[in-house]
Amino acid sequence: MPLTDRLVPLAKFFYPLDAIHHWNRLYGSKGFTQYQLVLPKEASFKGLEKILSRIAQAGLPSFLGVLKLFGPKNDNYLSFPMEGYTLALDFPIKAKLFPFLDELDSIVTDHGGRLYLAKDVRMSKKVFRKGYPRWQKFSELREKQDMIQTFNSLQSNRLGI
């Protein structure tokens, strides 16, 4: 029977790792971070090839990877999707991981891409501003609506928004 002809409970479909007892222990006591990027369609092949090659060279394997094709972008100031491919990778936290992710950030921005804010734990202000060119409009809106003190976080302070 083709996969499209089966009914699957929602929890099993949306949370497949939950079928593996204590799946998070795969990553060790320091845990993991998910690194998600999107590249414009025209740069996706070269950019993804470079990113995956660099990961293989670094010896920092990801235990889980998801590749999806996005449709057209929208006009929201800090919207992540753009027409192109998004890649999400889970990396175990290790001493050399964050400097390595800085290298991947450069590849992403050099290919016109950006990182997903909802999964960000370490993006630099420079990478953020390069990937989200309408960040100033968002900051102006926050200021105009008097939301600077009310709505802020460690991330917004780190990124300068």
N, C-alpha and C. Protein backbone atom coordinates (compact mmCIF):
# COMPACT_ATOMS: atom_id res chain seq x y z
N MET A 1 0.84 -1.18 0.00
CA MET A 1 0.00 0.00 0.00
C MET A 1 0.89 1.25 0.00
N PRO A 2 0.66 2.17 -0.92
CA PRO A 2 1.46 3.41 -0.93
C PRO A 2 1.30 4.18 0.38
N LEU A 3 2.34 4.90 0.76
CA LEU A 3 2.30 5.66 2.01
C LEU A 3 1.16 6.67 2.05
N THR A 4 0.77 7.17 0.91
CA THR A 4 -0.29 8.18 0.88
C THR A 4 -1.67 7.59 1.17
N ASP A 5 -1.78 6.28 1.18
CA ASP A 5 -3.07 5.63 1.41
C ASP A 5 -3.25 5.17 2.85
N ARG A 6 -2.35 5.52 3.75
CA ARG A 6 -2.45 5.09 5.14
C ARG A 6 -2.87 6.23 6.03
N LEU A 7 -3.65 5.93 7.04
CA LEU A 7 -3.97 6.91 8.07
C LEU A 7 -2.99 6.70 9.21
N VAL A 8 -2.45 7.80 9.69
CA VAL A 8 -1.47 7.75 10.78
C VAL A 8 -1.95 8.70 11.86
N PRO A 9 -1.91 8.29 13.12
CA PRO A 9 -2.30 9.22 14.19
C PRO A 9 -1.46 10.49 14.14
N LEU A 10 -2.07 11.63 14.47
CA LEU A 10 -1.38 12.92 14.39
C LEU A 10 -0.09 12.94 15.20
N ALA A 11 -0.11 12.44 16.42
CA ALA A 11 1.09 12.47 17.27
C ALA A 11 2.22 11.66 16.63
N LYS A 12 1.90 10.54 16.05
CA LYS A 12 2.93 9.71 15.40
C LYS A 12 3.50 10.41 14.16
N PHE A 13 2.64 11.12 13.44
CA PHE A 13 3.07 11.83 12.24
C PHE A 13 3.94 13.03 12.57
N PHE A 14 3.50 13.86 13.52
CA PHE A 14 4.20 15.10 13.83
C PHE A 14 5.39 14.92 14.78
N TYR A 15 5.40 13.85 15.55
CA TYR A 15 6.46 13.63 16.55
C TYR A 15 7.05 12.23 16.41
N PRO A 16 7.64 11.91 15.25
CA PRO A 16 8.12 10.53 15.04
C PRO A 16 9.22 10.11 16.01
N LEU A 17 10.03 11.03 16.48
CA LEU A 17 11.11 10.66 17.40
C LEU A 17 10.59 10.20 18.76
N ASP A 18 9.39 10.60 19.09
CA ASP A 18 8.83 10.18 20.38
C ASP A 18 8.63 8.67 20.46
N ALA A 19 8.66 7.99 19.32
CA ALA A 19 8.57 6.52 19.32
C ALA A 19 9.86 5.88 19.83
N ILE A 20 10.93 6.65 19.88
CA ILE A 20 12.22 6.16 20.38
C ILE A 20 12.39 6.69 21.80
N HIS A 21 12.35 5.77 22.75
CA HIS A 21 12.43 6.15 24.16
C HIS A 21 13.73 6.89 24.46
N HIS A 22 13.63 8.09 25.04
CA HIS A 22 14.78 8.93 25.40
C HIS A 22 15.68 9.24 24.19
N TRP A 23 15.07 9.55 23.04
CA TRP A 23 15.83 9.83 21.83
C TRP A 23 16.84 10.95 22.03
N ASN A 24 16.53 11.90 22.91
CA ASN A 24 17.41 13.04 23.11
C ASN A 24 18.76 12.64 23.71
N ARG A 25 18.87 11.48 24.29
CA ARG A 25 20.13 11.03 24.88
C ARG A 25 21.19 10.72 23.81
N LEU A 26 20.74 10.63 22.57
CA LEU A 26 21.69 10.44 21.46
C LEU A 26 22.76 11.52 21.45
N TYR A 27 22.40 12.70 21.94
CA TYR A 27 23.26 13.87 21.84
C TYR A 27 24.21 14.05 23.02
N GLY A 28 24.10 13.22 24.03
CA GLY A 28 24.99 13.34 25.17
C GLY A 28 24.45 14.33 26.20
N SER A 29 25.20 14.50 27.27
CA SER A 29 24.74 15.30 28.41
C SER A 29 24.66 16.80 28.11
N LYS A 30 25.37 17.27 27.10
CA LYS A 30 25.33 18.70 26.76
C LYS A 30 24.18 19.05 25.82
N GLY A 31 23.50 18.04 25.29
CA GLY A 31 22.36 18.28 24.43
C GLY A 31 22.74 18.61 23.00
N PHE A 32 21.83 19.32 22.32
CA PHE A 32 22.04 19.64 20.91
C PHE A 32 21.44 21.00 20.60
N THR A 33 21.78 21.49 19.43
CA THR A 33 21.12 22.67 18.89
C THR A 33 20.69 22.35 17.47
N GLN A 34 19.62 22.94 17.06
CA GLN A 34 19.19 22.77 15.69
C GLN A 34 19.60 24.02 14.90
N TYR A 35 20.20 23.78 13.78
CA TYR A 35 20.67 24.84 12.89
C TYR A 35 19.80 24.77 11.64
N GLN A 36 19.00 25.81 11.39
CA GLN A 36 18.14 25.80 10.22
C GLN A 36 18.41 27.02 9.37
N LEU A 37 18.56 26.78 8.09
CA LEU A 37 18.86 27.83 7.12
C LEU A 37 17.92 27.73 5.95
N VAL A 38 17.83 28.80 5.20
CA VAL A 38 17.13 28.79 3.93
C VAL A 38 18.00 29.51 2.92
N LEU A 39 18.03 28.97 1.71
CA LEU A 39 18.78 29.57 0.61
C LEU A 39 17.83 29.85 -0.55
N PRO A 40 18.02 30.96 -1.26
CA PRO A 40 17.17 31.20 -2.42
C PRO A 40 17.35 30.08 -3.44
N LYS A 41 16.29 29.79 -4.16
CA LYS A 41 16.27 28.65 -5.08
C LYS A 41 17.47 28.65 -6.04
N GLU A 42 17.78 29.83 -6.59
CA GLU A 42 18.85 29.89 -7.60
C GLU A 42 20.24 29.61 -7.01
N ALA A 43 20.40 29.75 -5.72
CA ALA A 43 21.70 29.51 -5.08
C ALA A 43 21.71 28.23 -4.24
N SER A 44 20.57 27.56 -4.18
CA SER A 44 20.44 26.42 -3.26
C SER A 44 21.41 25.28 -3.56
N PHE A 45 21.52 24.88 -4.81
CA PHE A 45 22.36 23.72 -5.11
C PHE A 45 23.81 23.96 -4.71
N LYS A 46 24.37 25.08 -5.17
CA LYS A 46 25.77 25.37 -4.85
C LYS A 46 25.97 25.60 -3.35
N GLY A 47 25.04 26.33 -2.74
CA GLY A 47 25.15 26.61 -1.31
C GLY A 47 25.04 25.35 -0.47
N LEU A 48 24.07 24.51 -0.76
CA LEU A 48 23.90 23.27 0.01
C LEU A 48 25.08 22.33 -0.20
N GLU A 49 25.58 22.27 -1.42
CA GLU A 49 26.74 21.44 -1.69
C GLU A 49 27.94 21.89 -0.85
N LYS A 50 28.15 23.18 -0.78
CA LYS A 50 29.26 23.73 -0.01
C LYS A 50 29.07 23.48 1.50
N ILE A 51 27.86 23.69 1.99
CA ILE A 51 27.56 23.47 3.41
C ILE A 51 27.75 22.01 3.78
N LEU A 52 27.20 21.10 2.99
CA LEU A 52 27.31 19.67 3.31
C LEU A 52 28.75 19.18 3.21
N SER A 53 29.49 19.69 2.25
CA SER A 53 30.91 19.33 2.13
C SER A 53 31.69 19.81 3.35
N ARG A 54 31.40 21.01 3.78
CA ARG A 54 32.10 21.57 4.95
C ARG A 54 31.77 20.79 6.22
N ILE A 55 30.53 20.37 6.37
CA ILE A 55 30.13 19.55 7.52
C ILE A 55 30.89 18.23 7.51
N ALA A 56 30.98 17.60 6.35
CA ALA A 56 31.71 16.33 6.23
C ALA A 56 33.18 16.51 6.57
N GLN A 57 33.79 17.59 6.10
CA GLN A 57 35.21 17.86 6.39
C GLN A 57 35.46 18.10 7.87
N ALA A 58 34.50 18.76 8.53
CA ALA A 58 34.68 19.15 9.94
C ALA A 58 34.54 17.99 10.90
N GLY A 59 33.94 16.90 10.45
CA GLY A 59 33.75 15.77 11.35
C GLY A 59 32.73 16.07 12.44
N LEU A 60 31.76 16.89 12.13
CA LEU A 60 30.69 17.22 13.09
C LEU A 60 29.36 16.74 12.50
N PRO A 61 29.09 15.45 12.61
CA PRO A 61 27.89 14.92 11.96
C PRO A 61 26.60 15.38 12.62
N SER A 62 25.57 15.45 11.81
CA SER A 62 24.23 15.73 12.30
C SER A 62 23.46 14.41 12.31
N PHE A 63 22.78 14.14 13.41
CA PHE A 63 22.03 12.89 13.51
C PHE A 63 20.67 12.98 12.85
N LEU A 64 20.23 14.19 12.56
CA LEU A 64 18.92 14.38 11.95
C LEU A 64 18.98 15.55 11.00
N GLY A 65 18.48 15.35 9.81
CA GLY A 65 18.45 16.42 8.82
C GLY A 65 17.13 16.42 8.08
N VAL A 66 16.61 17.61 7.80
CA VAL A 66 15.36 17.74 7.06
C VAL A 66 15.57 18.79 5.98
N LEU A 67 15.24 18.43 4.75
CA LEU A 67 15.35 19.33 3.60
C LEU A 67 13.95 19.53 3.03
N LYS A 68 13.56 20.79 2.85
CA LYS A 68 12.24 21.09 2.31
C LYS A 68 12.36 22.21 1.29
N LEU A 69 11.44 22.23 0.35
CA LEU A 69 11.34 23.30 -0.64
C LEU A 69 10.25 24.27 -0.20
N PHE A 70 10.60 25.55 -0.10
CA PHE A 70 9.64 26.60 0.24
C PHE A 70 9.12 27.25 -1.03
N GLY A 71 7.90 27.73 -0.96
CA GLY A 71 7.31 28.52 -2.03
C GLY A 71 7.69 29.99 -1.87
N PRO A 72 6.93 30.86 -2.49
CA PRO A 72 7.26 32.29 -2.47
C PRO A 72 7.31 32.88 -1.06
N LYS A 73 8.14 33.90 -0.89
CA LYS A 73 8.26 34.59 0.40
C LYS A 73 7.04 35.48 0.60
N ASN A 74 6.92 36.00 1.83
CA ASN A 74 5.86 36.97 2.11
C ASN A 74 6.50 38.31 2.48
N ASP A 75 5.71 39.28 2.82
CA ASP A 75 6.22 40.64 3.06
C ASP A 75 6.45 40.97 4.52
N ASN A 76 6.35 40.02 5.42
CA ASN A 76 6.58 40.31 6.84
C ASN A 76 8.04 40.68 7.06
N TYR A 77 8.28 41.60 7.98
CA TYR A 77 9.62 42.15 8.19
C TYR A 77 10.66 41.10 8.56
N LEU A 78 10.31 40.15 9.41
CA LEU A 78 11.27 39.14 9.86
C LEU A 78 10.86 37.73 9.46
N SER A 79 10.23 37.61 8.32
CA SER A 79 9.79 36.30 7.85
C SER A 79 10.98 35.46 7.41
N PHE A 80 11.01 34.22 7.83
CA PHE A 80 12.10 33.31 7.48
C PHE A 80 11.97 32.75 6.06
N PRO A 81 10.81 32.23 5.66
CA PRO A 81 10.75 31.57 4.34
C PRO A 81 11.05 32.50 3.17
N MET A 82 11.67 31.91 2.19
CA MET A 82 11.86 32.53 0.88
C MET A 82 11.79 31.39 -0.12
N GLU A 83 11.55 31.70 -1.37
CA GLU A 83 11.48 30.63 -2.36
C GLU A 83 12.85 29.99 -2.49
N GLY A 84 12.93 28.74 -2.09
CA GLY A 84 14.19 28.03 -2.10
C GLY A 84 14.16 26.87 -1.13
N TYR A 85 15.31 26.37 -0.80
CA TYR A 85 15.41 25.19 0.06
C TYR A 85 15.82 25.56 1.47
N THR A 86 15.16 24.90 2.43
CA THR A 86 15.53 25.04 3.82
C THR A 86 16.11 23.71 4.29
N LEU A 87 17.14 23.80 5.09
CA LEU A 87 17.80 22.62 5.65
C LEU A 87 17.89 22.81 7.15
N ALA A 88 17.38 21.83 7.89
CA ALA A 88 17.48 21.84 9.35
C ALA A 88 18.34 20.66 9.77
N LEU A 89 19.32 20.93 10.63
CA LEU A 89 20.26 19.91 11.09
C LEU A 89 20.39 19.98 12.60
N ASP A 90 20.39 18.82 13.26
CA ASP A 90 20.63 18.74 14.70
C ASP A 90 22.09 18.40 14.93
N PHE A 91 22.77 19.24 15.72
CA PHE A 91 24.18 19.00 16.05
C PHE A 91 24.35 18.84 17.55
N PRO A 92 25.07 17.80 17.99
CA PRO A 92 25.40 17.69 19.41
C PRO A 92 26.29 18.87 19.81
N ILE A 93 26.08 19.41 20.99
CA ILE A 93 26.89 20.52 21.48
C ILE A 93 28.28 19.99 21.82
N LYS A 94 29.27 20.57 21.17
CA LYS A 94 30.69 20.25 21.41
C LYS A 94 31.47 21.55 21.42
N ALA A 95 32.67 21.50 21.94
CA ALA A 95 33.49 22.71 22.09
C ALA A 95 33.68 23.45 20.77
N LYS A 96 33.91 22.74 19.68
CA LYS A 96 34.20 23.41 18.42
C LYS A 96 32.97 23.68 17.56
N LEU A 97 31.77 23.37 18.08
CA LEU A 97 30.56 23.51 17.26
C LEU A 97 30.23 24.96 16.91
N PHE A 98 30.16 25.85 17.90
CA PHE A 98 29.71 27.21 17.60
C PHE A 98 30.66 27.97 16.67
N PRO A 99 31.98 27.86 16.84
CA PRO A 99 32.86 28.48 15.83
C PRO A 99 32.64 27.89 14.43
N PHE A 100 32.36 26.59 14.38
CA PHE A 100 32.09 25.95 13.09
C PHE A 100 30.79 26.50 12.49
N LEU A 101 29.76 26.69 13.31
CA LEU A 101 28.50 27.24 12.80
C LEU A 101 28.69 28.66 12.29
N ASP A 102 29.64 29.39 12.86
CA ASP A 102 29.97 30.72 12.32
C ASP A 102 30.45 30.60 10.88
N GLU A 103 31.22 29.56 10.59
CA GLU A 103 31.68 29.32 9.21
C GLU A 103 30.49 29.05 8.28
N LEU A 104 29.56 28.21 8.77
CA LEU A 104 28.38 27.91 7.96
C LEU A 104 27.54 29.17 7.74
N ASP A 105 27.46 30.03 8.77
CA ASP A 105 26.73 31.30 8.63
C ASP A 105 27.25 32.10 7.43
N SER A 106 28.56 32.13 7.28
CA SER A 106 29.17 32.88 6.17
C SER A 106 28.76 32.28 4.83
N ILE A 107 28.74 30.97 4.75
CA ILE A 107 28.33 30.32 3.50
C ILE A 107 26.87 30.67 3.20
N VAL A 108 26.02 30.59 4.23
CA VAL A 108 24.59 30.90 4.06
C VAL A 108 24.40 32.32 3.56
N THR A 109 25.01 33.29 4.23
CA THR A 109 24.81 34.69 3.82
C THR A 109 25.47 35.00 2.48
N ASP A 110 26.60 34.34 2.18
CA ASP A 110 27.25 34.53 0.88
C ASP A 110 26.37 34.04 -0.27
N HIS A 111 25.45 33.14 0.03
CA HIS A 111 24.55 32.61 -0.99
C HIS A 111 23.15 33.24 -0.90
N GLY A 112 23.03 34.35 -0.17
CA GLY A 112 21.78 35.08 -0.11
C GLY A 112 20.75 34.50 0.84
N GLY A 113 21.18 33.63 1.74
CA GLY A 113 20.25 32.97 2.65
C GLY A 113 20.20 33.60 4.02
N ARG A 114 19.47 32.93 4.92
CA ARG A 114 19.34 33.39 6.29
C ARG A 114 19.08 32.21 7.21
N LEU A 115 19.21 32.48 8.51
CA LEU A 115 18.97 31.48 9.54
C LEU A 115 17.59 31.70 10.16
N TYR A 116 17.05 30.64 10.71
CA TYR A 116 15.71 30.68 11.29
C TYR A 116 15.78 31.26 12.70
N LEU A 117 15.14 32.39 12.91
CA LEU A 117 15.17 33.08 14.21
C LEU A 117 14.58 32.23 15.33
N ALA A 118 13.54 31.46 15.03
CA ALA A 118 12.88 30.67 16.07
C ALA A 118 13.78 29.56 16.62
N LYS A 119 14.81 29.20 15.89
CA LYS A 119 15.72 28.14 16.35
C LYS A 119 17.11 28.67 16.67
N ASP A 120 17.27 29.97 16.63
CA ASP A 120 18.58 30.59 16.85
C ASP A 120 18.96 30.62 18.32
N VAL A 121 20.21 30.23 18.60
CA VAL A 121 20.76 30.35 19.96
C VAL A 121 22.08 31.10 19.97
N ARG A 122 22.60 31.51 18.78
CA ARG A 122 23.94 32.10 18.76
C ARG A 122 24.23 32.98 17.56
N MET A 123 23.29 33.26 16.71
CA MET A 123 23.53 34.07 15.52
C MET A 123 24.09 35.44 15.92
N SER A 124 25.00 35.93 15.10
CA SER A 124 25.56 37.27 15.36
C SER A 124 24.65 38.34 14.77
N LYS A 125 24.82 39.55 15.27
CA LYS A 125 24.08 40.70 14.78
C LYS A 125 24.35 40.90 13.28
N LYS A 126 25.60 40.72 12.88
CA LYS A 126 25.98 40.91 11.47
C LYS A 126 25.26 39.92 10.57
N VAL A 127 25.22 38.65 10.97
CA VAL A 127 24.55 37.61 10.18
C VAL A 127 23.05 37.89 10.13
N PHE A 128 22.48 38.28 11.26
CA PHE A 128 21.06 38.60 11.31
C PHE A 128 20.73 39.73 10.33
N ARG A 129 21.47 40.81 10.41
CA ARG A 129 21.17 41.97 9.57
C ARG A 129 21.36 41.68 8.09
N LYS A 130 22.31 40.84 7.77
CA LYS A 130 22.53 40.48 6.37
C LYS A 130 21.38 39.60 5.85
N GLY A 131 20.89 38.70 6.69
CA GLY A 131 19.83 37.79 6.28
C GLY A 131 18.43 38.36 6.32
N TYR A 132 18.24 39.36 7.16
CA TYR A 132 16.93 39.98 7.32
C TYR A 132 17.03 41.48 7.01
N PRO A 133 17.06 41.84 5.74
CA PRO A 133 17.31 43.23 5.35
C PRO A 133 16.24 44.22 5.82
N ARG A 134 15.07 43.73 6.25
CA ARG A 134 14.01 44.64 6.71
C ARG A 134 13.98 44.74 8.24
N TRP A 135 15.07 44.38 8.89
CA TRP A 135 15.13 44.41 10.35
C TRP A 135 14.89 45.82 10.90
N GLN A 136 15.36 46.84 10.17
CA GLN A 136 15.18 48.21 10.65
C GLN A 136 13.70 48.59 10.69
N LYS A 137 12.94 48.15 9.70
CA LYS A 137 11.50 48.42 9.68
C LYS A 137 10.84 47.80 10.92
N PHE A 138 11.26 46.59 11.26
CA PHE A 138 10.73 45.93 12.45
C PHE A 138 11.08 46.72 13.71
N SER A 139 12.34 47.13 13.81
CA SER A 139 12.78 47.91 14.97
C SER A 139 12.02 49.22 15.08
N GLU A 140 11.80 49.88 13.95
CA GLU A 140 11.03 51.14 13.94
C GLU A 140 9.60 50.91 14.42
N LEU A 141 9.00 49.81 13.99
CA LEU A 141 7.65 49.49 14.42
C LEU A 141 7.59 49.25 15.92
N ARG A 142 8.55 48.50 16.45
CA ARG A 142 8.61 48.25 17.90
C ARG A 142 8.72 49.56 18.66
N GLU A 143 9.55 50.45 18.16
CA GLU A 143 9.74 51.74 18.83
C GLU A 143 8.47 52.59 18.74
N LYS A 144 7.89 52.66 17.56
CA LYS A 144 6.68 53.44 17.34
C LYS A 144 5.53 52.96 18.23
N GLN A 145 5.43 51.66 18.42
CA GLN A 145 4.36 51.07 19.24
C GLN A 145 4.75 50.98 20.71
N ASP A 146 5.88 51.56 21.08
CA ASP A 146 6.37 51.57 22.46
C ASP A 146 6.50 50.15 23.03
N MET A 147 7.10 49.26 22.22
CA MET A 147 7.24 47.85 22.62
C MET A 147 8.68 47.47 22.97
N ILE A 148 9.58 48.42 23.00
CA ILE A 148 10.99 48.12 23.24
C ILE A 148 11.18 47.46 24.60
N GLN A 149 10.62 48.04 25.65
CA GLN A 149 10.79 47.48 27.00
C GLN A 149 9.83 46.33 27.27
N THR A 150 8.65 46.39 26.68
CA THR A 150 7.63 45.37 26.95
C THR A 150 7.97 44.04 26.30
N PHE A 151 8.38 44.08 25.04
CA PHE A 151 8.68 42.86 24.31
C PHE A 151 10.15 42.83 23.94
N ASN A 152 10.94 42.15 24.77
CA ASN A 152 12.35 41.97 24.44
C ASN A 152 12.82 40.66 25.03
N SER A 153 13.98 40.23 24.61
CA SER A 153 14.52 38.95 25.05
C SER A 153 16.04 39.01 24.95
N LEU A 154 16.69 37.99 25.43
CA LEU A 154 18.15 37.91 25.27
C LEU A 154 18.50 37.91 23.78
N GLN A 155 17.69 37.22 22.99
CA GLN A 155 17.94 37.18 21.55
C GLN A 155 17.78 38.55 20.91
N SER A 156 16.71 39.26 21.22
CA SER A 156 16.51 40.57 20.61
C SER A 156 17.61 41.55 21.04
N ASN A 157 18.07 41.43 22.27
CA ASN A 157 19.18 42.28 22.72
C ASN A 157 20.48 41.92 21.99
N ARG A 158 20.73 40.61 21.81
CA ARG A 158 21.95 40.16 21.11
C ARG A 158 21.95 40.63 19.65
N LEU A 159 20.78 40.58 19.02
CA LEU A 159 20.67 40.93 17.61
C LEU A 159 20.44 42.41 17.35
N GLY A 160 20.19 43.16 18.41
CA GLY A 160 20.00 44.60 18.26
C GLY A 160 18.67 44.98 17.66
N ILE A 161 17.63 44.25 17.98
CA ILE A 161 16.29 44.59 17.45
C ILE A 161 15.32 44.89 18.57
